[in-house]
Each structure stands twice: as C-alpha cells, then as structure tokens.
Amino acid sequence: MKERLDKSDRQILKLLQQDGRISNADLARKIGLSPPSMLQRVRKLETAGYVKGYSTRLNAEKLGFTLDVIAMISLSMHQDQPIDQFIENILEVPEVLACYHVSGDYDFMLRIVAKDMHDYERILKERLASIKAVGKIHSCFVLNVNKETEVLPI
C-alpha cells in the first residue's frame, strides 16, 4: 500500500473504528465506492497493517470483574534476560489487559481486572510477585473511568 493514505482511506478507517461490524455494502455506500472496490481497499489497509484486527468490547462489570487496577512494577534486575522473562510471564496472565514498558520510577505499568480484592490478592501473590525479577509492585485502584477509547484521531 502507498505510504500516504488518501481521503477515502482515512474515511474508511474512521468508520471502521466507530463500527468494526459495519457491512462492506454500508461502508461502500457511506464512502461512495462500489462494494468490490471497497472490499479491495479494506483488504489493502488490513494487509498493510493499518487495521490490526477486529474485536468486541465486553462489559467487565457484567462479567463479574468489579476491580480495575493499575499496577506499577519495578524490576530488581534490568538486564535483557529478566526483562524478557517478565514480559513472557505477563503474557500468560489473562487478567492483565495491558502491559506497558515505561520510563521513570517504574519499569512496567499493567492494567489488571479482578473479580474483587481477594481475587486481586491471588493474582498478586500467585502470578505477579512470583516472577523472579519483580522487585516492587505499587497498586492503584481505579475509582472511576472518565474516558476509555481505542479510537485514534485520524
């Protein structure tokens, strides 16, 4: 795919961000292209990596995950092997929704969901504190989510 996106490509990406389940026919109608042409453009955007995938956002609270935690992790060792091992271990923890390698006072920032405080204690003891390179864990409990989006400002 070309380096720069044209106006139609940007409109397609905006609409897909708003509704990933939009039909090809509806997308084509909104952009003003034929359905075969639209399908070709969407496939090119996907192949070029502009579209990483499609998913459904679920209501965590309805599914029993009432605790949302931001955990800041400091490693006791900062060589490549402990960092890689930490990441490998974190990828195996389904309650960790996001893992960011960050600069500053902490090495990693995690977003974790748990059913309640006892469940978070289990995750902390069994899954996080048991990772050899972990030196310090600082937990912040989310009181309210005022903004949460994956929509990029295209």
N, C-alpha and C. Protein backbone atom coordinates (compact mmCIF):
# COMPACT_ATOMS: atom_id res chain seq x y z
N MET A 1 0.85 -1.18 0.00
CA MET A 1 0.00 0.00 0.00
C MET A 1 0.89 1.24 0.00
N LYS A 2 0.42 2.27 -0.64
CA LYS A 2 1.19 3.51 -0.70
C LYS A 2 1.47 4.06 0.70
N GLU A 3 2.50 4.86 0.79
CA GLU A 3 2.94 5.40 2.08
C GLU A 3 1.87 6.30 2.70
N ARG A 4 1.25 7.15 1.90
CA ARG A 4 0.25 8.09 2.43
C ARG A 4 -1.15 7.57 2.17
N LEU A 5 -2.01 7.82 3.13
CA LEU A 5 -3.41 7.45 2.99
C LEU A 5 -4.16 8.57 2.29
N ASP A 6 -5.05 8.21 1.37
CA ASP A 6 -5.86 9.25 0.74
C ASP A 6 -7.11 9.50 1.59
N LYS A 7 -7.92 10.44 1.15
CA LYS A 7 -9.11 10.84 1.89
C LYS A 7 -10.06 9.65 2.13
N SER A 8 -10.26 8.83 1.11
CA SER A 8 -11.14 7.67 1.25
C SER A 8 -10.60 6.67 2.26
N ASP A 9 -9.28 6.42 2.23
CA ASP A 9 -8.67 5.50 3.18
C ASP A 9 -8.91 5.99 4.61
N ARG A 10 -8.72 7.28 4.82
CA ARG A 10 -8.93 7.84 6.16
C ARG A 10 -10.40 7.73 6.59
N GLN A 11 -11.31 7.97 5.67
CA GLN A 11 -12.74 7.84 5.99
C GLN A 11 -13.07 6.39 6.33
N ILE A 12 -12.51 5.46 5.59
CA ILE A 12 -12.73 4.03 5.85
C ILE A 12 -12.26 3.69 7.26
N LEU A 13 -11.05 4.12 7.61
CA LEU A 13 -10.51 3.83 8.94
C LEU A 13 -11.35 4.46 10.05
N LYS A 14 -11.81 5.68 9.83
CA LYS A 14 -12.68 6.34 10.83
C LYS A 14 -13.95 5.53 11.05
N LEU A 15 -14.59 5.12 9.95
CA LEU A 15 -15.84 4.37 10.06
C LEU A 15 -15.63 3.00 10.68
N LEU A 16 -14.53 2.34 10.34
CA LEU A 16 -14.24 1.03 10.94
C LEU A 16 -13.97 1.16 12.44
N GLN A 17 -13.35 2.26 12.87
CA GLN A 17 -13.14 2.47 14.30
C GLN A 17 -14.46 2.66 15.03
N GLN A 18 -15.40 3.34 14.38
CA GLN A 18 -16.70 3.58 15.00
C GLN A 18 -17.54 2.30 15.07
N ASP A 19 -17.43 1.47 14.03
CA ASP A 19 -18.23 0.25 13.96
C ASP A 19 -17.48 -0.81 13.17
N GLY A 20 -16.76 -1.67 13.87
CA GLY A 20 -15.99 -2.72 13.22
C GLY A 20 -16.86 -3.79 12.57
N ARG A 21 -18.16 -3.77 12.87
CA ARG A 21 -19.07 -4.75 12.30
C ARG A 21 -19.84 -4.20 11.10
N ILE A 22 -19.51 -3.00 10.66
CA ILE A 22 -20.21 -2.41 9.53
C ILE A 22 -20.05 -3.31 8.31
N SER A 23 -21.12 -3.49 7.56
CA SER A 23 -21.05 -4.35 6.38
C SER A 23 -20.27 -3.64 5.28
N ASN A 24 -19.71 -4.42 4.39
CA ASN A 24 -18.97 -3.87 3.26
C ASN A 24 -19.89 -2.98 2.41
N ALA A 25 -21.14 -3.41 2.25
CA ALA A 25 -22.10 -2.64 1.44
C ALA A 25 -22.38 -1.28 2.09
N ASP A 26 -22.59 -1.26 3.41
CA ASP A 26 -22.84 0.01 4.10
C ASP A 26 -21.61 0.91 4.08
N LEU A 27 -20.46 0.32 4.25
CA LEU A 27 -19.21 1.09 4.19
C LEU A 27 -19.03 1.70 2.80
N ALA A 28 -19.27 0.91 1.78
CA ALA A 28 -19.16 1.40 0.40
C ALA A 28 -20.13 2.54 0.14
N ARG A 29 -21.36 2.39 0.62
CA ARG A 29 -22.37 3.43 0.42
C ARG A 29 -21.95 4.73 1.11
N LYS A 30 -21.45 4.64 2.34
CA LYS A 30 -21.07 5.84 3.09
C LYS A 30 -19.87 6.55 2.47
N ILE A 31 -18.96 5.80 1.86
CA ILE A 31 -17.76 6.40 1.26
C ILE A 31 -18.01 6.82 -0.18
N GLY A 32 -18.99 6.16 -0.82
CA GLY A 32 -19.28 6.48 -2.22
C GLY A 32 -18.47 5.65 -3.21
N LEU A 33 -18.19 4.41 -2.84
CA LEU A 33 -17.46 3.49 -3.71
C LEU A 33 -18.31 2.25 -3.95
N SER A 34 -17.97 1.47 -4.95
CA SER A 34 -18.66 0.21 -5.19
C SER A 34 -18.22 -0.81 -4.14
N PRO A 35 -19.09 -1.76 -3.81
CA PRO A 35 -18.71 -2.78 -2.82
C PRO A 35 -17.43 -3.55 -3.18
N PRO A 36 -17.22 -3.98 -4.44
CA PRO A 36 -15.96 -4.67 -4.74
C PRO A 36 -14.73 -3.77 -4.53
N SER A 37 -14.85 -2.52 -4.92
CA SER A 37 -13.75 -1.57 -4.74
C SER A 37 -13.49 -1.34 -3.25
N MET A 38 -14.56 -1.26 -2.47
CA MET A 38 -14.44 -1.05 -1.02
C MET A 38 -13.75 -2.25 -0.39
N LEU A 39 -14.16 -3.45 -0.76
CA LEU A 39 -13.57 -4.66 -0.20
C LEU A 39 -12.07 -4.69 -0.49
N GLN A 40 -11.69 -4.31 -1.70
CA GLN A 40 -10.28 -4.28 -2.10
C GLN A 40 -9.49 -3.27 -1.24
N ARG A 41 -10.07 -2.10 -1.01
CA ARG A 41 -9.40 -1.08 -0.20
C ARG A 41 -9.23 -1.53 1.24
N VAL A 42 -10.30 -2.13 1.81
CA VAL A 42 -10.22 -2.60 3.20
C VAL A 42 -9.16 -3.69 3.32
N ARG A 43 -9.13 -4.62 2.38
CA ARG A 43 -8.12 -5.69 2.39
C ARG A 43 -6.71 -5.11 2.31
N LYS A 44 -6.51 -4.06 1.49
CA LYS A 44 -5.20 -3.43 1.38
C LYS A 44 -4.81 -2.76 2.69
N LEU A 45 -5.77 -2.10 3.34
CA LEU A 45 -5.49 -1.47 4.64
C LEU A 45 -5.13 -2.53 5.68
N GLU A 46 -5.83 -3.66 5.66
CA GLU A 46 -5.52 -4.74 6.59
C GLU A 46 -4.13 -5.33 6.31
N THR A 47 -3.86 -5.62 5.06
CA THR A 47 -2.58 -6.21 4.67
C THR A 47 -1.41 -5.29 4.99
N ALA A 48 -1.61 -3.99 4.82
CA ALA A 48 -0.55 -3.01 5.09
C ALA A 48 -0.36 -2.76 6.59
N GLY A 49 -1.23 -3.33 7.42
CA GLY A 49 -1.07 -3.21 8.86
C GLY A 49 -1.78 -2.03 9.50
N TYR A 50 -2.57 -1.28 8.73
CA TYR A 50 -3.31 -0.17 9.32
C TYR A 50 -4.42 -0.68 10.23
N VAL A 51 -4.98 -1.83 9.90
CA VAL A 51 -6.00 -2.46 10.73
C VAL A 51 -5.34 -3.65 11.41
N LYS A 52 -5.26 -3.60 12.75
CA LYS A 52 -4.60 -4.67 13.50
C LYS A 52 -5.52 -5.85 13.74
N GLY A 53 -6.82 -5.63 13.72
CA GLY A 53 -7.76 -6.71 13.97
C GLY A 53 -9.11 -6.16 14.34
N TYR A 54 -10.04 -7.05 14.60
CA TYR A 54 -11.40 -6.68 14.97
C TYR A 54 -11.74 -7.41 16.25
N SER A 55 -12.44 -6.73 17.15
CA SER A 55 -12.83 -7.38 18.40
C SER A 55 -14.12 -6.76 18.91
N THR A 56 -14.65 -7.38 19.94
CA THR A 56 -15.85 -6.90 20.60
C THR A 56 -15.47 -6.46 22.00
N ARG A 57 -15.89 -5.27 22.40
CA ARG A 57 -15.62 -4.79 23.76
C ARG A 57 -16.72 -5.31 24.67
N LEU A 58 -16.32 -6.00 25.73
CA LEU A 58 -17.26 -6.58 26.67
C LEU A 58 -17.36 -5.71 27.91
N ASN A 59 -18.47 -5.84 28.62
CA ASN A 59 -18.69 -5.12 29.87
C ASN A 59 -18.09 -5.94 31.00
N ALA A 60 -16.92 -5.52 31.49
CA ALA A 60 -16.20 -6.26 32.52
C ALA A 60 -17.03 -6.43 33.78
N GLU A 61 -17.72 -5.39 34.19
CA GLU A 61 -18.51 -5.45 35.42
C GLU A 61 -19.64 -6.48 35.31
N LYS A 62 -20.31 -6.52 34.16
CA LYS A 62 -21.39 -7.51 33.95
C LYS A 62 -20.84 -8.93 34.03
N LEU A 63 -19.56 -9.09 33.67
CA LEU A 63 -18.93 -10.41 33.70
C LEU A 63 -18.27 -10.72 35.05
N GLY A 64 -18.49 -9.83 36.03
CA GLY A 64 -18.01 -10.08 37.39
C GLY A 64 -16.66 -9.47 37.73
N PHE A 65 -16.05 -8.75 36.80
CA PHE A 65 -14.77 -8.10 37.08
C PHE A 65 -15.04 -6.69 37.61
N THR A 66 -15.17 -6.58 38.92
CA THR A 66 -15.56 -5.32 39.54
C THR A 66 -14.38 -4.46 39.96
N LEU A 67 -13.17 -5.03 39.90
CA LEU A 67 -11.98 -4.30 40.33
C LEU A 67 -11.07 -4.06 39.13
N ASP A 68 -10.72 -2.80 38.91
CA ASP A 68 -9.83 -2.38 37.83
C ASP A 68 -8.60 -1.80 38.52
N VAL A 69 -7.42 -2.34 38.19
CA VAL A 69 -6.20 -1.98 38.91
C VAL A 69 -5.13 -1.53 37.92
N ILE A 70 -4.42 -0.48 38.29
CA ILE A 70 -3.20 -0.08 37.59
C ILE A 70 -2.06 -0.47 38.51
N ALA A 71 -1.20 -1.37 38.05
CA ALA A 71 -0.07 -1.82 38.87
C ALA A 71 1.22 -1.35 38.23
N MET A 72 2.04 -0.68 39.03
CA MET A 72 3.35 -0.24 38.57
C MET A 72 4.38 -1.21 39.13
N ILE A 73 5.23 -1.70 38.24
CA ILE A 73 6.19 -2.74 38.60
C ILE A 73 7.61 -2.21 38.44
N SER A 74 8.43 -2.41 39.47
CA SER A 74 9.87 -2.15 39.38
C SER A 74 10.57 -3.50 39.38
N LEU A 75 11.48 -3.69 38.46
CA LEU A 75 12.25 -4.92 38.43
C LEU A 75 13.49 -4.77 39.31
N SER A 76 13.94 -5.88 39.88
CA SER A 76 15.14 -5.85 40.71
C SER A 76 16.39 -5.92 39.85
N MET A 77 16.25 -6.43 38.62
CA MET A 77 17.37 -6.51 37.68
C MET A 77 16.92 -5.93 36.34
N HIS A 78 17.81 -5.23 35.66
CA HIS A 78 17.42 -4.55 34.42
C HIS A 78 18.17 -5.04 33.19
N GLN A 79 18.68 -6.25 33.23
CA GLN A 79 19.32 -6.82 32.05
C GLN A 79 18.23 -7.35 31.10
N ASP A 80 18.62 -7.64 29.87
CA ASP A 80 17.67 -8.10 28.86
C ASP A 80 16.94 -9.37 29.29
N GLN A 81 17.64 -10.34 29.85
CA GLN A 81 17.02 -11.61 30.20
C GLN A 81 15.90 -11.44 31.24
N PRO A 82 16.11 -10.73 32.36
CA PRO A 82 14.99 -10.56 33.31
C PRO A 82 13.82 -9.78 32.71
N ILE A 83 14.10 -8.79 31.88
CA ILE A 83 13.02 -8.03 31.24
C ILE A 83 12.22 -8.94 30.32
N ASP A 84 12.92 -9.70 29.49
CA ASP A 84 12.25 -10.63 28.57
C ASP A 84 11.46 -11.68 29.33
N GLN A 85 12.01 -12.17 30.43
CA GLN A 85 11.33 -13.19 31.25
C GLN A 85 10.08 -12.60 31.89
N PHE A 86 10.17 -11.35 32.36
CA PHE A 86 9.00 -10.69 32.95
C PHE A 86 7.89 -10.59 31.90
N ILE A 87 8.23 -10.11 30.71
CA ILE A 87 7.24 -9.95 29.65
C ILE A 87 6.62 -11.30 29.29
N GLU A 88 7.45 -12.31 29.17
CA GLU A 88 6.96 -13.66 28.85
C GLU A 88 5.97 -14.14 29.90
N ASN A 89 6.28 -13.91 31.18
CA ASN A 89 5.38 -14.31 32.26
C ASN A 89 4.08 -13.53 32.24
N ILE A 90 4.15 -12.23 32.00
CA ILE A 90 2.96 -11.38 31.99
C ILE A 90 2.01 -11.76 30.86
N LEU A 91 2.56 -12.16 29.73
CA LEU A 91 1.72 -12.58 28.60
C LEU A 91 0.85 -13.77 28.94
N GLU A 92 1.21 -14.51 29.97
CA GLU A 92 0.45 -15.69 30.40
C GLU A 92 -0.63 -15.39 31.44
N VAL A 93 -0.74 -14.13 31.86
CA VAL A 93 -1.72 -13.77 32.89
C VAL A 93 -2.94 -13.16 32.21
N PRO A 94 -4.04 -13.90 32.11
CA PRO A 94 -5.21 -13.39 31.37
C PRO A 94 -5.85 -12.14 31.98
N GLU A 95 -5.67 -11.93 33.28
CA GLU A 95 -6.26 -10.76 33.92
C GLU A 95 -5.51 -9.47 33.58
N VAL A 96 -4.31 -9.58 33.05
CA VAL A 96 -3.55 -8.40 32.63
C VAL A 96 -4.04 -8.01 31.24
N LEU A 97 -4.72 -6.88 31.15
CA LEU A 97 -5.28 -6.43 29.89
C LEU A 97 -4.29 -5.62 29.08
N ALA A 98 -3.35 -4.97 29.75
CA ALA A 98 -2.34 -4.17 29.05
C ALA A 98 -1.06 -4.19 29.86
N CYS A 99 0.06 -4.18 29.15
CA CYS A 99 1.37 -4.14 29.78
C CYS A 99 2.21 -3.14 29.00
N TYR A 100 2.65 -2.10 29.68
CA TYR A 100 3.45 -1.05 29.06
C TYR A 100 4.84 -1.02 29.69
N HIS A 101 5.87 -1.08 28.87
CA HIS A 101 7.25 -0.90 29.35
C HIS A 101 7.46 0.61 29.34
N VAL A 102 7.71 1.19 30.51
CA VAL A 102 7.71 2.65 30.65
C VAL A 102 9.04 3.16 31.20
N SER A 103 9.23 4.46 31.06
CA SER A 103 10.39 5.10 31.68
C SER A 103 9.93 5.76 32.98
N GLY A 104 10.89 6.16 33.80
CA GLY A 104 10.55 6.83 35.05
C GLY A 104 10.84 5.96 36.25
N ASP A 105 10.06 6.14 37.31
CA ASP A 105 10.29 5.44 38.57
C ASP A 105 9.99 3.95 38.50
N TYR A 106 9.15 3.54 37.56
CA TYR A 106 8.77 2.13 37.43
C TYR A 106 9.20 1.63 36.05
N ASP A 107 9.27 0.32 35.93
CA ASP A 107 9.69 -0.28 34.67
C ASP A 107 8.50 -0.68 33.79
N PHE A 108 7.42 -1.11 34.43
CA PHE A 108 6.24 -1.54 33.70
C PHE A 108 4.99 -1.01 34.37
N MET A 109 3.96 -0.78 33.57
CA MET A 109 2.65 -0.40 34.07
C MET A 109 1.66 -1.40 33.49
N LEU A 110 0.86 -2.01 34.37
CA LEU A 110 -0.10 -3.01 33.96
C LEU A 110 -1.51 -2.54 34.25
N ARG A 111 -2.43 -2.91 33.38
CA ARG A 111 -3.86 -2.74 33.68
C ARG A 111 -4.41 -4.14 33.91
N ILE A 112 -4.98 -4.32 35.09
CA ILE A 112 -5.42 -5.64 35.53
C ILE A 112 -6.89 -5.58 35.95
N VAL A 113 -7.64 -6.60 35.60
CA VAL A 113 -9.02 -6.73 36.10
C VAL A 113 -9.09 -7.91 37.06
N ALA A 114 -9.92 -7.75 38.08
CA ALA A 114 -10.12 -8.82 39.06
C ALA A 114 -11.58 -8.82 39.49
N LYS A 115 -12.02 -9.94 39.99
CA LYS A 115 -13.42 -10.04 40.42
C LYS A 115 -13.67 -9.24 41.70
N ASP A 116 -12.67 -9.20 42.57
CA ASP A 116 -12.77 -8.46 43.82
C ASP A 116 -11.37 -8.35 44.43
N MET A 117 -11.27 -7.81 45.63
CA MET A 117 -9.97 -7.61 46.28
C MET A 117 -9.28 -8.95 46.57
N HIS A 118 -10.05 -9.96 46.94
CA HIS A 118 -9.45 -11.28 47.21
C HIS A 118 -8.88 -11.87 45.92
N ASP A 119 -9.57 -11.69 44.82
CA ASP A 119 -9.09 -12.19 43.54
C ASP A 119 -7.81 -11.45 43.14
N TYR A 120 -7.78 -10.14 43.38
CA TYR A 120 -6.56 -9.39 43.06
C TYR A 120 -5.39 -9.85 43.94
N GLU A 121 -5.67 -10.13 45.21
CA GLU A 121 -4.62 -10.63 46.09
C GLU A 121 -4.05 -11.95 45.55
N ARG A 122 -4.93 -12.82 45.04
CA ARG A 122 -4.49 -14.08 44.44
C ARG A 122 -3.61 -13.82 43.23
N ILE A 123 -4.03 -12.92 42.35
CA ILE A 123 -3.26 -12.57 41.14
C ILE A 123 -1.90 -12.02 41.56
N LEU A 124 -1.92 -11.14 42.55
CA LEU A 124 -0.69 -10.51 43.03
C LEU A 124 0.29 -11.56 43.57
N LYS A 125 -0.20 -12.44 44.44
CA LYS A 125 0.67 -13.44 45.07
C LYS A 125 1.11 -14.53 44.09
N GLU A 126 0.14 -15.09 43.37
CA GLU A 126 0.43 -16.25 42.54
C GLU A 126 1.04 -15.92 41.19
N ARG A 127 0.67 -14.78 40.63
CA ARG A 127 1.08 -14.50 39.26
C ARG A 127 2.14 -13.40 39.14
N LEU A 128 2.03 -12.33 39.93
CA LEU A 128 2.94 -11.20 39.77
C LEU A 128 4.16 -11.30 40.69
N ALA A 129 3.94 -11.45 41.99
CA ALA A 129 5.05 -11.47 42.94
C ALA A 129 5.93 -12.70 42.77
N SER A 130 5.42 -13.72 42.12
CA SER A 130 6.22 -14.94 41.93
C SER A 130 7.20 -14.83 40.76
N ILE A 131 7.12 -13.77 39.98
CA ILE A 131 8.06 -13.57 38.87
C ILE A 131 9.39 -13.13 39.48
N LYS A 132 10.46 -13.86 39.18
CA LYS A 132 11.75 -13.66 39.85
C LYS A 132 12.28 -12.23 39.79
N ALA A 133 12.16 -11.56 38.67
CA ALA A 133 12.77 -10.24 38.50
C ALA A 133 11.98 -9.11 39.16
N VAL A 134 10.77 -9.38 39.67
CA VAL A 134 9.95 -8.33 40.26
C VAL A 134 10.54 -7.88 41.58
N GLY A 135 10.80 -6.58 41.68
CA GLY A 135 11.34 -6.01 42.91
C GLY A 135 10.28 -5.35 43.75
N LYS A 136 9.40 -4.56 43.10
CA LYS A 136 8.40 -3.80 43.84
C LYS A 136 7.14 -3.69 42.99
N ILE A 137 5.99 -3.79 43.65
CA ILE A 137 4.69 -3.64 42.99
C ILE A 137 3.91 -2.56 43.71
N HIS A 138 3.46 -1.57 42.97
CA HIS A 138 2.64 -0.49 43.54
C HIS A 138 1.29 -0.56 42.84
N SER A 139 0.21 -0.74 43.59
CA SER A 139 -1.12 -0.89 43.01
C SER A 139 -1.97 0.35 43.24
N CYS A 140 -2.65 0.78 42.20
CA CYS A 140 -3.63 1.87 42.28
C CYS A 140 -4.97 1.30 41.82
N PHE A 141 -6.01 1.56 42.59
CA PHE A 141 -7.32 1.04 42.27
C PHE A 141 -8.15 2.12 41.57
N VAL A 142 -8.69 1.78 40.42
CA VAL A 142 -9.45 2.73 39.63
C VAL A 142 -10.78 2.98 40.31
N LEU A 143 -11.06 4.25 40.60
CA LEU A 143 -12.32 4.62 41.23
C LEU A 143 -13.41 4.86 40.20
N ASN A 144 -13.03 5.46 39.07
CA ASN A 144 -13.99 5.77 38.02
C ASN A 144 -13.23 5.92 36.70
N VAL A 145 -13.82 5.46 35.63
CA VAL A 145 -13.23 5.62 34.30
C VAL A 145 -13.96 6.77 33.63
N ASN A 146 -13.24 7.86 33.38
CA ASN A 146 -13.85 9.04 32.77
C ASN A 146 -13.70 9.05 31.25
N LYS A 147 -12.68 8.38 30.75
CA LYS A 147 -12.50 8.25 29.31
C LYS A 147 -11.72 6.98 29.04
N GLU A 148 -12.20 6.21 28.08
CA GLU A 148 -11.52 4.99 27.68
C GLU A 148 -11.85 4.76 26.22
N THR A 149 -10.84 4.79 25.39
CA THR A 149 -11.09 4.63 23.97
C THR A 149 -9.88 3.99 23.29
N GLU A 150 -10.12 3.40 22.19
CA GLU A 150 -9.07 2.89 21.30
C GLU A 150 -9.11 3.65 19.98
N VAL A 151 -10.01 4.63 19.89
CA VAL A 151 -10.19 5.38 18.65
C VAL A 151 -9.07 6.39 18.49
N LEU A 152 -8.34 6.25 17.38
CA LEU A 152 -7.24 7.18 17.07
C LEU A 152 -7.78 8.41 16.36
N PRO A 153 -7.20 9.58 16.60
CA PRO A 153 -7.66 10.82 15.94
C PRO A 153 -7.10 10.93 14.52
N ILE A 154 -7.80 10.30 13.59
CA ILE A 154 -7.33 10.27 12.19
C ILE A 154 -7.70 11.57 11.50
